[in-house]
Amino acid sequence: MPDVKRRWIEERKRDVYHRKAKELGYRSRAAFKLMQIDKAFRLLKQGSRVIDLGSSPGGWTQYAAEITGPEGLIIAVDAADLKDLGMKQVKFIRADVMSPDLESSMSRTLSPGSVDLVMSDLAPDMTGRYEVDHERQIALAERALDIATVFLKIEGNLVVKVFEGRRSLLFERRAAGLFGKIKKFRPAASRKRSSECYLICLGFKGSSPIPEESQIAP
């Protein structure tokens, strides 16, 4: 077994969130990231309509479905399969999020301007070269923002992962033009060595004015 894979397996065994996910029946440790985000910002409510981009293996989808309940609707999207969660409020679309046909596919279930929350934990296949991985991840974040502008209702919210770097500030400024407030948040469940953080974009305005510096919270 290669040393890198062996280290990864050993690290996962020691990971408290990996153990908790297994104990509580979550598909992945990432469920605790969303749990911590939701505890801080109260984004999910009973009956909420949610789009989950990059949903597989299903940790975020599971948690969102638990909170929104049977009256809610979770549209989960991923190029990889999502095994049935046994939750009727979850509708899965197997698709590449970069596909230009995705909005059309989602429109069969959702009306534009009808969604309370778009959430994206999208990440690229990692190359180990930071500049390449950063560029690819921000492209995914941009795609999530594009989808949010179509489906979010006014005053809806967006949670999107970004890898911090040269392009993340430009992305943040674009998002600030579309939402009333932008906050950065790093869940305790994020791995210490990861450069990821989450932009919590609150209060979709449905337009894109020039952002004021005060809109971007530290």
N, C-alpha and C. Protein backbone atom coordinates (compact mmCIF):
# COMPACT_ATOMS: atom_id res chain seq x y z
N MET A 1 0.84 -1.20 0.00
CA MET A 1 0.00 0.00 0.00
C MET A 1 0.88 1.25 0.00
N PRO A 2 0.63 2.23 -0.90
CA PRO A 2 1.44 3.46 -0.93
C PRO A 2 1.38 4.20 0.40
N ASP A 3 2.49 4.90 0.73
CA ASP A 3 2.56 5.60 2.01
C ASP A 3 1.47 6.65 2.16
N VAL A 4 1.16 7.37 1.06
CA VAL A 4 0.15 8.43 1.14
C VAL A 4 -1.21 7.85 1.53
N LYS A 5 -1.58 6.75 0.88
CA LYS A 5 -2.87 6.13 1.19
C LYS A 5 -2.88 5.58 2.61
N ARG A 6 -1.76 4.99 3.05
CA ARG A 6 -1.68 4.46 4.41
C ARG A 6 -1.86 5.58 5.43
N ARG A 7 -1.21 6.72 5.20
CA ARG A 7 -1.35 7.85 6.12
C ARG A 7 -2.79 8.34 6.15
N TRP A 8 -3.45 8.38 4.98
CA TRP A 8 -4.83 8.83 4.92
C TRP A 8 -5.74 7.91 5.72
N ILE A 9 -5.54 6.62 5.61
CA ILE A 9 -6.37 5.65 6.34
C ILE A 9 -6.16 5.80 7.84
N GLU A 10 -4.89 5.95 8.26
CA GLU A 10 -4.61 6.11 9.68
C GLU A 10 -5.19 7.40 10.23
N GLU A 11 -5.10 8.46 9.44
CA GLU A 11 -5.65 9.74 9.87
C GLU A 11 -7.16 9.66 10.02
N ARG A 12 -7.82 8.98 9.10
CA ARG A 12 -9.27 8.86 9.16
C ARG A 12 -9.70 8.07 10.39
N LYS A 13 -8.93 7.05 10.76
CA LYS A 13 -9.25 6.27 11.96
C LYS A 13 -9.22 7.14 13.21
N ARG A 14 -8.31 8.13 13.23
CA ARG A 14 -8.17 9.01 14.40
C ARG A 14 -9.14 10.18 14.37
N ASP A 15 -9.83 10.37 13.26
CA ASP A 15 -10.69 11.53 13.05
C ASP A 15 -11.98 11.39 13.85
N VAL A 16 -12.19 12.29 14.80
CA VAL A 16 -13.37 12.20 15.68
C VAL A 16 -14.65 12.36 14.87
N TYR A 17 -14.65 13.20 13.83
CA TYR A 17 -15.87 13.41 13.05
C TYR A 17 -16.18 12.20 12.17
N HIS A 18 -15.15 11.52 11.71
CA HIS A 18 -15.37 10.28 10.96
C HIS A 18 -16.04 9.25 11.86
N ARG A 19 -15.57 9.14 13.09
CA ARG A 19 -16.17 8.17 14.03
C ARG A 19 -17.61 8.56 14.37
N LYS A 20 -17.85 9.86 14.59
CA LYS A 20 -19.20 10.31 14.92
C LYS A 20 -20.17 10.05 13.77
N ALA A 21 -19.69 10.27 12.53
CA ALA A 21 -20.55 10.04 11.37
C ALA A 21 -20.99 8.58 11.31
N LYS A 22 -20.06 7.67 11.57
CA LYS A 22 -20.40 6.25 11.56
C LYS A 22 -21.39 5.92 12.67
N GLU A 23 -21.17 6.50 13.86
CA GLU A 23 -22.04 6.22 15.00
C GLU A 23 -23.47 6.72 14.75
N LEU A 24 -23.61 7.89 14.10
CA LEU A 24 -24.92 8.51 13.92
C LEU A 24 -25.56 8.17 12.58
N GLY A 25 -24.85 7.41 11.75
CA GLY A 25 -25.43 6.97 10.48
C GLY A 25 -25.36 7.97 9.36
N TYR A 26 -24.49 8.97 9.47
CA TYR A 26 -24.31 9.92 8.38
C TYR A 26 -23.39 9.34 7.32
N ARG A 27 -23.66 9.68 6.08
CA ARG A 27 -22.89 9.14 4.96
C ARG A 27 -21.44 9.64 4.96
N SER A 28 -21.20 10.81 5.53
CA SER A 28 -19.84 11.35 5.56
C SER A 28 -19.67 12.30 6.73
N ARG A 29 -18.41 12.54 7.09
CA ARG A 29 -18.09 13.47 8.17
C ARG A 29 -18.49 14.89 7.82
N ALA A 30 -18.68 15.17 6.51
CA ALA A 30 -19.04 16.52 6.07
C ALA A 30 -20.36 16.98 6.66
N ALA A 31 -21.20 16.03 7.09
CA ALA A 31 -22.47 16.41 7.72
C ALA A 31 -22.25 17.36 8.89
N PHE A 32 -21.14 17.18 9.61
CA PHE A 32 -20.88 18.02 10.77
C PHE A 32 -20.47 19.44 10.37
N LYS A 33 -19.91 19.61 9.17
CA LYS A 33 -19.63 20.96 8.69
C LYS A 33 -20.94 21.73 8.52
N LEU A 34 -21.89 21.10 7.83
CA LEU A 34 -23.18 21.77 7.63
C LEU A 34 -23.90 21.97 8.96
N MET A 35 -23.81 21.00 9.84
CA MET A 35 -24.44 21.12 11.16
C MET A 35 -23.90 22.36 11.88
N GLN A 36 -22.58 22.56 11.83
CA GLN A 36 -21.96 23.70 12.51
C GLN A 36 -22.30 25.02 11.82
N ILE A 37 -22.37 25.00 10.49
CA ILE A 37 -22.79 26.20 9.75
C ILE A 37 -24.22 26.56 10.12
N ASP A 38 -25.10 25.56 10.14
CA ASP A 38 -26.51 25.82 10.42
C ASP A 38 -26.72 26.27 11.86
N LYS A 39 -25.94 25.73 12.77
CA LYS A 39 -26.04 26.17 14.17
C LYS A 39 -25.68 27.65 14.31
N ALA A 40 -24.68 28.08 13.51
CA ALA A 40 -24.23 29.47 13.58
C ALA A 40 -25.17 30.44 12.87
N PHE A 41 -25.81 30.00 11.77
CA PHE A 41 -26.57 30.93 10.93
C PHE A 41 -28.05 30.60 10.77
N ARG A 42 -28.50 29.45 11.25
CA ARG A 42 -29.92 29.07 11.21
C ARG A 42 -30.49 29.21 9.79
N LEU A 43 -29.89 28.53 8.85
CA LEU A 43 -30.28 28.63 7.45
C LEU A 43 -31.38 27.65 7.07
N LEU A 44 -31.44 26.52 7.75
CA LEU A 44 -32.40 25.47 7.42
C LEU A 44 -33.59 25.53 8.38
N LYS A 45 -34.79 25.42 7.79
CA LYS A 45 -36.01 25.47 8.59
C LYS A 45 -36.98 24.40 8.09
N GLN A 46 -37.96 24.09 8.91
CA GLN A 46 -39.00 23.15 8.49
C GLN A 46 -39.63 23.64 7.19
N GLY A 47 -39.71 22.74 6.20
CA GLY A 47 -40.35 23.08 4.95
C GLY A 47 -39.48 23.81 3.95
N SER A 48 -38.21 24.02 4.26
CA SER A 48 -37.34 24.74 3.33
C SER A 48 -37.14 23.97 2.02
N ARG A 49 -36.96 24.72 0.95
CA ARG A 49 -36.62 24.17 -0.36
C ARG A 49 -35.14 24.44 -0.59
N VAL A 50 -34.38 23.39 -0.87
CA VAL A 50 -32.92 23.46 -0.85
C VAL A 50 -32.34 22.79 -2.08
N ILE A 51 -31.29 23.37 -2.64
CA ILE A 51 -30.47 22.72 -3.67
C ILE A 51 -29.13 22.38 -3.04
N ASP A 52 -28.72 21.13 -3.16
CA ASP A 52 -27.44 20.65 -2.62
C ASP A 52 -26.55 20.24 -3.79
N LEU A 53 -25.56 21.07 -4.10
CA LEU A 53 -24.66 20.81 -5.23
C LEU A 53 -23.43 20.05 -4.74
N GLY A 54 -23.11 18.95 -5.42
CA GLY A 54 -22.01 18.10 -4.98
C GLY A 54 -22.44 17.26 -3.80
N SER A 55 -23.61 16.63 -3.92
CA SER A 55 -24.26 16.02 -2.77
C SER A 55 -23.66 14.69 -2.31
N SER A 56 -23.14 13.90 -3.24
CA SER A 56 -22.65 12.56 -2.88
C SER A 56 -21.40 12.65 -2.00
N PRO A 57 -21.28 11.78 -1.01
CA PRO A 57 -22.10 10.59 -0.71
C PRO A 57 -23.37 10.85 0.07
N GLY A 58 -23.63 12.10 0.49
CA GLY A 58 -24.93 12.39 1.06
C GLY A 58 -24.98 12.98 2.45
N GLY A 59 -23.85 13.31 3.04
CA GLY A 59 -23.86 13.83 4.40
C GLY A 59 -24.64 15.12 4.55
N TRP A 60 -24.40 16.08 3.65
CA TRP A 60 -25.13 17.35 3.72
C TRP A 60 -26.61 17.13 3.42
N THR A 61 -26.91 16.29 2.43
CA THR A 61 -28.30 16.02 2.07
C THR A 61 -29.06 15.43 3.25
N GLN A 62 -28.44 14.46 3.94
CA GLN A 62 -29.09 13.84 5.09
C GLN A 62 -29.44 14.86 6.16
N TYR A 63 -28.46 15.67 6.53
CA TYR A 63 -28.70 16.64 7.60
C TYR A 63 -29.77 17.64 7.19
N ALA A 64 -29.69 18.14 5.95
CA ALA A 64 -30.68 19.12 5.49
C ALA A 64 -32.08 18.52 5.49
N ALA A 65 -32.19 17.26 5.06
CA ALA A 65 -33.50 16.60 5.03
C ALA A 65 -34.06 16.40 6.43
N GLU A 66 -33.21 16.10 7.39
CA GLU A 66 -33.64 15.94 8.78
C GLU A 66 -34.24 17.24 9.32
N ILE A 67 -33.59 18.37 9.02
CA ILE A 67 -34.04 19.65 9.56
C ILE A 67 -35.27 20.17 8.83
N THR A 68 -35.31 20.04 7.50
CA THR A 68 -36.43 20.57 6.75
C THR A 68 -37.68 19.71 6.88
N GLY A 69 -37.49 18.42 7.19
CA GLY A 69 -38.62 17.54 7.42
C GLY A 69 -39.34 17.13 6.14
N PRO A 70 -40.41 16.33 6.29
CA PRO A 70 -41.11 15.80 5.13
C PRO A 70 -41.80 16.88 4.29
N GLU A 71 -42.04 18.06 4.86
CA GLU A 71 -42.65 19.16 4.09
C GLU A 71 -41.62 19.88 3.24
N GLY A 72 -40.33 19.61 3.47
CA GLY A 72 -39.29 20.27 2.71
C GLY A 72 -39.02 19.58 1.38
N LEU A 73 -38.06 20.13 0.63
CA LEU A 73 -37.64 19.54 -0.63
C LEU A 73 -36.15 19.77 -0.79
N ILE A 74 -35.41 18.70 -1.00
CA ILE A 74 -33.97 18.78 -1.22
C ILE A 74 -33.69 18.26 -2.62
N ILE A 75 -33.17 19.11 -3.49
CA ILE A 75 -32.72 18.70 -4.81
C ILE A 75 -31.22 18.48 -4.73
N ALA A 76 -30.81 17.22 -4.75
CA ALA A 76 -29.40 16.85 -4.62
C ALA A 76 -28.83 16.60 -6.01
N VAL A 77 -27.66 17.18 -6.27
CA VAL A 77 -27.05 17.09 -7.61
C VAL A 77 -25.61 16.62 -7.48
N ASP A 78 -25.25 15.61 -8.26
CA ASP A 78 -23.87 15.14 -8.29
C ASP A 78 -23.66 14.27 -9.52
N ALA A 79 -22.42 14.26 -10.03
CA ALA A 79 -22.07 13.38 -11.14
C ALA A 79 -21.93 11.94 -10.66
N ALA A 80 -21.60 11.78 -9.36
CA ALA A 80 -21.51 10.43 -8.77
C ALA A 80 -22.88 10.05 -8.23
N ASP A 81 -23.13 8.75 -8.17
CA ASP A 81 -24.42 8.27 -7.72
C ASP A 81 -24.64 8.60 -6.23
N LEU A 82 -25.88 8.82 -5.88
CA LEU A 82 -26.27 9.01 -4.48
C LEU A 82 -27.20 7.87 -4.10
N LYS A 83 -26.74 7.00 -3.23
CA LYS A 83 -27.56 5.87 -2.81
C LYS A 83 -28.79 6.37 -2.07
N ASP A 84 -29.89 5.68 -2.27
CA ASP A 84 -31.17 6.09 -1.71
C ASP A 84 -31.06 6.30 -0.20
N LEU A 85 -31.50 7.48 0.25
CA LEU A 85 -31.46 7.81 1.67
C LEU A 85 -32.75 7.43 2.39
N GLY A 86 -33.76 6.98 1.66
CA GLY A 86 -35.03 6.63 2.28
C GLY A 86 -35.80 7.84 2.77
N MET A 87 -35.57 9.00 2.14
CA MET A 87 -36.25 10.24 2.52
C MET A 87 -36.99 10.76 1.30
N LYS A 88 -38.31 10.80 1.36
CA LYS A 88 -39.12 11.15 0.19
C LYS A 88 -38.91 12.59 -0.26
N GLN A 89 -38.47 13.44 0.66
CA GLN A 89 -38.27 14.84 0.30
C GLN A 89 -36.99 15.08 -0.49
N VAL A 90 -36.16 14.04 -0.66
CA VAL A 90 -34.91 14.16 -1.40
C VAL A 90 -35.12 13.69 -2.84
N LYS A 91 -34.83 14.56 -3.79
CA LYS A 91 -34.88 14.23 -5.21
C LYS A 91 -33.46 14.36 -5.77
N PHE A 92 -32.95 13.29 -6.36
CA PHE A 92 -31.57 13.27 -6.83
C PHE A 92 -31.50 13.44 -8.34
N ILE A 93 -30.62 14.33 -8.78
CA ILE A 93 -30.33 14.52 -10.20
C ILE A 93 -28.87 14.13 -10.42
N ARG A 94 -28.65 13.08 -11.20
CA ARG A 94 -27.27 12.70 -11.50
C ARG A 94 -26.80 13.50 -12.70
N ALA A 95 -25.91 14.44 -12.46
CA ALA A 95 -25.46 15.33 -13.53
C ALA A 95 -24.18 16.03 -13.10
N ASP A 96 -23.37 16.37 -14.06
CA ASP A 96 -22.20 17.22 -13.83
C ASP A 96 -22.70 18.64 -13.60
N VAL A 97 -22.29 19.25 -12.49
CA VAL A 97 -22.79 20.59 -12.20
C VAL A 97 -22.37 21.61 -13.26
N MET A 98 -21.33 21.31 -14.01
CA MET A 98 -20.88 22.23 -15.05
C MET A 98 -21.69 22.07 -16.35
N SER A 99 -22.59 21.11 -16.39
CA SER A 99 -23.39 20.90 -17.59
C SER A 99 -24.29 22.10 -17.86
N PRO A 100 -24.32 22.61 -19.10
CA PRO A 100 -25.21 23.73 -19.41
C PRO A 100 -26.68 23.36 -19.38
N ASP A 101 -26.97 22.06 -19.33
CA ASP A 101 -28.37 21.61 -19.29
C ASP A 101 -28.90 21.43 -17.88
N LEU A 102 -28.07 21.70 -16.86
CA LEU A 102 -28.48 21.40 -15.50
C LEU A 102 -29.69 22.23 -15.06
N GLU A 103 -29.67 23.52 -15.35
CA GLU A 103 -30.79 24.38 -14.94
C GLU A 103 -32.10 23.87 -15.54
N SER A 104 -32.05 23.43 -16.78
CA SER A 104 -33.25 22.89 -17.43
C SER A 104 -33.74 21.64 -16.71
N SER A 105 -32.81 20.77 -16.32
CA SER A 105 -33.18 19.55 -15.59
C SER A 105 -33.82 19.88 -14.25
N MET A 106 -33.25 20.84 -13.54
CA MET A 106 -33.79 21.21 -12.23
C MET A 106 -35.14 21.91 -12.35
N SER A 107 -35.34 22.61 -13.46
CA SER A 107 -36.59 23.35 -13.65
C SER A 107 -37.80 22.43 -13.80
N ARG A 108 -37.55 21.14 -14.03
CA ARG A 108 -38.67 20.20 -14.08
C ARG A 108 -39.27 19.97 -12.70
N THR A 109 -38.48 20.26 -11.66
CA THR A 109 -38.95 20.09 -10.29
C THR A 109 -39.11 21.41 -9.56
N LEU A 110 -38.26 22.38 -9.89
CA LEU A 110 -38.23 23.67 -9.20
C LEU A 110 -38.56 24.80 -10.16
N SER A 111 -39.26 25.79 -9.66
CA SER A 111 -39.47 27.02 -10.43
C SER A 111 -38.34 27.99 -10.11
N PRO A 112 -37.85 28.73 -11.10
CA PRO A 112 -36.87 29.78 -10.79
C PRO A 112 -37.42 30.73 -9.73
N GLY A 113 -36.54 31.14 -8.83
CA GLY A 113 -36.93 32.06 -7.77
C GLY A 113 -37.76 31.44 -6.67
N SER A 114 -37.64 30.12 -6.46
CA SER A 114 -38.48 29.45 -5.46
C SER A 114 -37.72 28.79 -4.32
N VAL A 115 -36.39 28.89 -4.32
CA VAL A 115 -35.56 28.12 -3.39
C VAL A 115 -35.10 28.99 -2.22
N ASP A 116 -35.12 28.40 -1.03
CA ASP A 116 -34.70 29.12 0.18
C ASP A 116 -33.19 29.12 0.37
N LEU A 117 -32.54 28.01 -0.03
CA LEU A 117 -31.10 27.86 0.23
C LEU A 117 -30.46 27.05 -0.88
N VAL A 118 -29.36 27.56 -1.41
CA VAL A 118 -28.46 26.78 -2.26
C VAL A 118 -27.20 26.53 -1.46
N MET A 119 -26.75 25.28 -1.42
CA MET A 119 -25.53 24.96 -0.69
C MET A 119 -24.61 24.13 -1.57
N SER A 120 -23.33 24.45 -1.48
CA SER A 120 -22.34 23.81 -2.34
C SER A 120 -21.10 23.44 -1.55
N ASP A 121 -20.83 22.15 -1.50
CA ASP A 121 -19.58 21.65 -0.91
C ASP A 121 -18.68 21.12 -2.03
N LEU A 122 -18.86 21.67 -3.22
CA LEU A 122 -18.14 21.21 -4.40
C LEU A 122 -16.63 21.40 -4.26
N ALA A 123 -15.89 20.39 -4.69
CA ALA A 123 -14.42 20.47 -4.74
C ALA A 123 -13.96 19.69 -5.96
N PRO A 124 -12.86 20.11 -6.57
CA PRO A 124 -12.36 19.40 -7.76
C PRO A 124 -11.59 18.15 -7.36
N ASP A 125 -11.34 17.30 -8.33
CA ASP A 125 -10.37 16.22 -8.11
C ASP A 125 -9.01 16.88 -7.89
N MET A 126 -8.39 16.58 -6.76
CA MET A 126 -7.19 17.30 -6.36
C MET A 126 -5.96 16.80 -7.11
N THR A 127 -5.15 17.75 -7.57
CA THR A 127 -3.91 17.43 -8.26
C THR A 127 -2.71 17.51 -7.33
N GLY A 128 -2.88 18.22 -6.20
CA GLY A 128 -1.74 18.48 -5.31
C GLY A 128 -0.99 19.75 -5.67
N ARG A 129 -1.35 20.37 -6.79
CA ARG A 129 -0.76 21.66 -7.18
C ARG A 129 -1.75 22.75 -6.80
N TYR A 130 -1.38 23.56 -5.83
CA TYR A 130 -2.36 24.46 -5.22
C TYR A 130 -2.98 25.41 -6.23
N GLU A 131 -2.19 26.04 -7.08
CA GLU A 131 -2.74 27.00 -8.02
C GLU A 131 -3.78 26.36 -8.93
N VAL A 132 -3.50 25.15 -9.40
CA VAL A 132 -4.45 24.44 -10.26
C VAL A 132 -5.72 24.11 -9.48
N ASP A 133 -5.55 23.55 -8.29
CA ASP A 133 -6.71 23.16 -7.49
C ASP A 133 -7.54 24.38 -7.10
N HIS A 134 -6.89 25.48 -6.78
CA HIS A 134 -7.58 26.72 -6.42
C HIS A 134 -8.42 27.24 -7.59
N GLU A 135 -7.83 27.30 -8.77
CA GLU A 135 -8.56 27.78 -9.95
C GLU A 135 -9.77 26.91 -10.23
N ARG A 136 -9.60 25.61 -10.15
CA ARG A 136 -10.72 24.70 -10.44
C ARG A 136 -11.82 24.81 -9.39
N GLN A 137 -11.43 24.98 -8.13
CA GLN A 137 -12.44 25.06 -7.09
C GLN A 137 -13.24 26.36 -7.20
N ILE A 138 -12.57 27.46 -7.50
CA ILE A 138 -13.28 28.73 -7.65
C ILE A 138 -14.22 28.67 -8.85
N ALA A 139 -13.83 27.97 -9.90
CA ALA A 139 -14.73 27.79 -11.05
C ALA A 139 -16.01 27.07 -10.61
N LEU A 140 -15.88 26.09 -9.72
CA LEU A 140 -17.06 25.40 -9.19
C LEU A 140 -17.90 26.33 -8.31
N ALA A 141 -17.24 27.16 -7.53
CA ALA A 141 -17.96 28.12 -6.70
C ALA A 141 -18.72 29.12 -7.58
N GLU A 142 -18.10 29.55 -8.66
CA GLU A 142 -18.76 30.46 -9.60
C GLU A 142 -20.01 29.80 -10.19
N ARG A 143 -19.89 28.52 -10.51
CA ARG A 143 -21.03 27.80 -11.07
C ARG A 143 -22.16 27.72 -10.04
N ALA A 144 -21.82 27.46 -8.78
CA ALA A 144 -22.84 27.42 -7.73
C ALA A 144 -23.53 28.77 -7.60
N LEU A 145 -22.77 29.85 -7.71
CA LEU A 145 -23.36 31.19 -7.62
C LEU A 145 -24.28 31.45 -8.81
N ASP A 146 -23.88 31.01 -10.00
CA ASP A 146 -24.74 31.17 -11.18
C ASP A 146 -26.08 30.46 -10.99
N ILE A 147 -26.02 29.23 -10.47
CA ILE A 147 -27.24 28.46 -10.23
C ILE A 147 -28.10 29.15 -9.16
N ALA A 148 -27.45 29.67 -8.14
CA ALA A 148 -28.18 30.37 -7.08
C ALA A 148 -28.95 31.57 -7.62
N THR A 149 -28.36 32.31 -8.56
CA THR A 149 -29.04 33.50 -9.09
C THR A 149 -30.29 33.13 -9.88
N VAL A 150 -30.36 31.91 -10.37
CA VAL A 150 -31.55 31.46 -11.10
C VAL A 150 -32.65 31.00 -10.14
N PHE A 151 -32.28 30.22 -9.13
CA PHE A 151 -33.29 29.51 -8.35
C PHE A 151 -33.60 30.11 -6.99
N LEU A 152 -32.73 30.95 -6.43
CA LEU A 152 -33.02 31.51 -5.11
C LEU A 152 -34.18 32.50 -5.17
N LYS A 153 -35.01 32.46 -4.13
CA LYS A 153 -36.01 33.50 -3.96
C LYS A 153 -35.33 34.75 -3.39
N ILE A 154 -35.98 35.88 -3.50
CA ILE A 154 -35.46 37.09 -2.87
C ILE A 154 -35.36 36.85 -1.36
N GLU A 155 -34.22 37.24 -0.79
CA GLU A 155 -33.87 37.03 0.61
C GLU A 155 -33.45 35.59 0.90
N GLY A 156 -33.32 34.75 -0.16
CA GLY A 156 -32.76 33.42 0.03
C GLY A 156 -31.27 33.49 0.32
N ASN A 157 -30.68 32.33 0.64
CA ASN A 157 -29.29 32.29 1.09
C ASN A 157 -28.47 31.26 0.31
N LEU A 158 -27.16 31.47 0.32
CA LEU A 158 -26.21 30.57 -0.35
C LEU A 158 -25.08 30.24 0.60
N VAL A 159 -24.72 28.96 0.67
CA VAL A 159 -23.51 28.51 1.37
C VAL A 159 -22.61 27.88 0.33
N VAL A 160 -21.39 28.37 0.20
CA VAL A 160 -20.51 27.86 -0.86
C VAL A 160 -19.08 27.73 -0.35
N LYS A 161 -18.49 26.57 -0.64
CA LYS A 161 -17.10 26.35 -0.26
C LYS A 161 -16.17 27.08 -1.22
N VAL A 162 -15.12 27.67 -0.67
CA VAL A 162 -14.06 28.25 -1.49
C VAL A 162 -12.71 27.82 -0.92
N PHE A 163 -11.74 27.68 -1.80
CA PHE A 163 -10.36 27.54 -1.37
C PHE A 163 -9.77 28.94 -1.38
N GLU A 164 -9.26 29.38 -0.26
CA GLU A 164 -8.76 30.74 -0.18
C GLU A 164 -7.49 30.90 -1.02
N GLY A 165 -7.41 32.02 -1.72
CA GLY A 165 -6.28 32.27 -2.60
C GLY A 165 -6.52 33.50 -3.45
N ARG A 166 -5.79 33.60 -4.53
CA ARG A 166 -5.80 34.81 -5.36
C ARG A 166 -7.18 35.14 -5.90
N ARG A 167 -7.94 34.13 -6.32
CA ARG A 167 -9.22 34.39 -6.96
C ARG A 167 -10.40 34.41 -6.00
N SER A 168 -10.19 33.98 -4.76
CA SER A 168 -11.32 33.89 -3.84
C SER A 168 -11.86 35.27 -3.46
N LEU A 169 -10.98 36.28 -3.36
CA LEU A 169 -11.45 37.62 -3.03
C LEU A 169 -12.31 38.20 -4.16
N LEU A 170 -11.91 37.94 -5.40
CA LEU A 170 -12.71 38.41 -6.53
C LEU A 170 -14.08 37.74 -6.52
N PHE A 171 -14.11 36.45 -6.22
CA PHE A 171 -15.38 35.74 -6.12
C PHE A 171 -16.23 36.34 -5.00
N GLU A 172 -15.59 36.61 -3.89
CA GLU A 172 -16.30 37.17 -2.74
C GLU A 172 -16.93 38.52 -3.08
N ARG A 173 -16.21 39.32 -3.83
CA ARG A 173 -16.73 40.64 -4.21
C ARG A 173 -17.93 40.49 -5.16
N ARG A 174 -17.87 39.51 -6.06
CA ARG A 174 -19.01 39.30 -6.94
C ARG A 174 -20.25 38.89 -6.13
N ALA A 175 -20.05 37.98 -5.18
CA ALA A 175 -21.16 37.53 -4.34
C ALA A 175 -21.73 38.68 -3.51
N ALA A 176 -20.86 39.58 -3.06
CA ALA A 176 -21.31 40.71 -2.25
C ALA A 176 -22.23 41.63 -3.03
N GLY A 177 -22.11 41.62 -4.36
CA GLY A 177 -23.01 42.43 -5.16
C GLY A 177 -24.40 41.84 -5.31
N LEU A 178 -24.54 40.58 -4.93
CA LEU A 178 -25.81 39.89 -5.11
C LEU A 178 -26.55 39.63 -3.81
N PHE A 179 -25.85 39.76 -2.68
CA PHE A 179 -26.44 39.44 -1.37
C PHE A 179 -26.29 40.62 -0.42
N GLY A 180 -27.17 40.67 0.56
CA GLY A 180 -27.13 41.75 1.53
C GLY A 180 -25.92 41.70 2.44
N LYS A 181 -25.45 40.48 2.75
CA LYS A 181 -24.31 40.34 3.65
C LYS A 181 -23.54 39.07 3.31
N ILE A 182 -22.22 39.15 3.41
CA ILE A 182 -21.34 38.00 3.17
C ILE A 182 -20.49 37.78 4.41
N LYS A 183 -20.45 36.54 4.90
CA LYS A 183 -19.59 36.23 6.04
C LYS A 183 -18.75 35.00 5.71
N LYS A 184 -17.52 35.00 6.19
CA LYS A 184 -16.66 33.83 6.07
C LYS A 184 -16.81 32.98 7.32
N PHE A 185 -16.81 31.66 7.12
CA PHE A 185 -16.96 30.76 8.26
C PHE A 185 -16.15 29.51 8.00
N ARG A 186 -15.39 29.11 9.00
CA ARG A 186 -14.63 27.87 8.92
C ARG A 186 -15.12 26.93 10.00
N PRO A 187 -15.87 25.89 9.65
CA PRO A 187 -16.39 24.96 10.66
C PRO A 187 -15.25 24.24 11.38
N ALA A 188 -15.49 23.90 12.63
CA ALA A 188 -14.51 23.14 13.39
C ALA A 188 -14.23 21.79 12.73
N ALA A 189 -15.22 21.28 11.98
CA ALA A 189 -15.07 19.97 11.34
C ALA A 189 -14.19 20.01 10.10
N SER A 190 -13.83 21.20 9.60
CA SER A 190 -12.88 21.26 8.48
C SER A 190 -11.52 20.75 8.96
N ARG A 191 -10.85 20.03 8.08
CA ARG A 191 -9.53 19.51 8.46
C ARG A 191 -8.55 20.66 8.64
N LYS A 192 -7.68 20.53 9.62
CA LYS A 192 -6.77 21.62 9.97
C LYS A 192 -5.88 22.04 8.81
N ARG A 193 -5.45 21.08 7.99
CA ARG A 193 -4.52 21.41 6.92
C ARG A 193 -5.23 21.95 5.67
N SER A 194 -6.56 21.95 5.67
CA SER A 194 -7.31 22.37 4.49
C SER A 194 -7.36 23.89 4.38
N SER A 195 -7.33 24.38 3.12
CA SER A 195 -7.44 25.82 2.88
C SER A 195 -8.90 26.23 2.67
N GLU A 196 -9.84 25.30 2.87
CA GLU A 196 -11.23 25.61 2.60
C GLU A 196 -11.82 26.53 3.66
N CYS A 197 -12.75 27.34 3.22
CA CYS A 197 -13.64 28.04 4.13
C CYS A 197 -14.97 28.14 3.40
N TYR A 198 -15.99 28.61 4.09
CA TYR A 198 -17.31 28.71 3.48
C TYR A 198 -17.75 30.17 3.50
N LEU A 199 -18.29 30.61 2.37
CA LEU A 199 -18.92 31.91 2.31
C LEU A 199 -20.40 31.73 2.60
N ILE A 200 -20.88 32.43 3.60
CA ILE A 200 -22.28 32.42 3.95
C ILE A 200 -22.88 33.70 3.37
N CYS A 201 -23.67 33.54 2.33
CA CYS A 201 -24.21 34.67 1.57
C CYS A 201 -25.67 34.83 1.94
N LEU A 202 -25.99 35.93 2.61
CA LEU A 202 -27.30 36.10 3.24
C LEU A 202 -28.11 37.19 2.54
N GLY A 203 -29.36 36.90 2.28
CA GLY A 203 -30.27 37.92 1.75
C GLY A 203 -30.09 38.21 0.28
N PHE A 204 -30.41 37.24 -0.58
CA PHE A 204 -30.28 37.44 -2.03
C PHE A 204 -31.12 38.62 -2.48
N LYS A 205 -30.49 39.51 -3.26
CA LYS A 205 -31.15 40.73 -3.70
C LYS A 205 -31.74 40.62 -5.10
N GLY A 206 -31.31 39.61 -5.86
CA GLY A 206 -31.85 39.45 -7.18
C GLY A 206 -31.32 40.44 -8.19
N SER A 207 -30.26 41.15 -7.84
CA SER A 207 -29.63 42.10 -8.75
C SER A 207 -28.16 42.14 -8.43
N SER A 208 -27.39 42.89 -9.20
CA SER A 208 -25.94 42.90 -8.98
C SER A 208 -25.37 44.31 -8.96
N PRO A 209 -25.71 45.10 -7.92
CA PRO A 209 -25.10 46.41 -7.79
C PRO A 209 -23.63 46.30 -7.39
N ILE A 210 -22.90 47.40 -7.52
CA ILE A 210 -21.50 47.41 -7.09
C ILE A 210 -21.45 47.26 -5.58
N PRO A 211 -20.70 46.28 -5.06
CA PRO A 211 -20.70 46.04 -3.61
C PRO A 211 -20.00 47.14 -2.83
N GLU A 212 -20.53 47.42 -1.65
CA GLU A 212 -19.85 48.30 -0.73
C GLU A 212 -18.90 47.49 0.13
N GLU A 213 -17.78 48.12 0.52
CA GLU A 213 -16.79 47.39 1.32
C GLU A 213 -17.41 46.89 2.61
N SER A 214 -18.37 47.64 3.17
CA SER A 214 -18.95 47.28 4.47
C SER A 214 -19.79 46.02 4.40
N GLN A 215 -20.12 45.58 3.16
CA GLN A 215 -20.95 44.38 3.04
C GLN A 215 -20.18 43.11 3.36
N ILE A 216 -18.86 43.18 3.22
CA ILE A 216 -18.04 41.98 3.41
C ILE A 216 -17.59 41.94 4.87
N ALA A 217 -18.18 41.03 5.63
CA ALA A 217 -17.86 40.94 7.05
C ALA A 217 -16.56 40.20 7.24
N PRO A 218 -15.75 40.57 8.24
CA PRO A 218 -14.50 39.86 8.48
C PRO A 218 -14.74 38.44 8.95
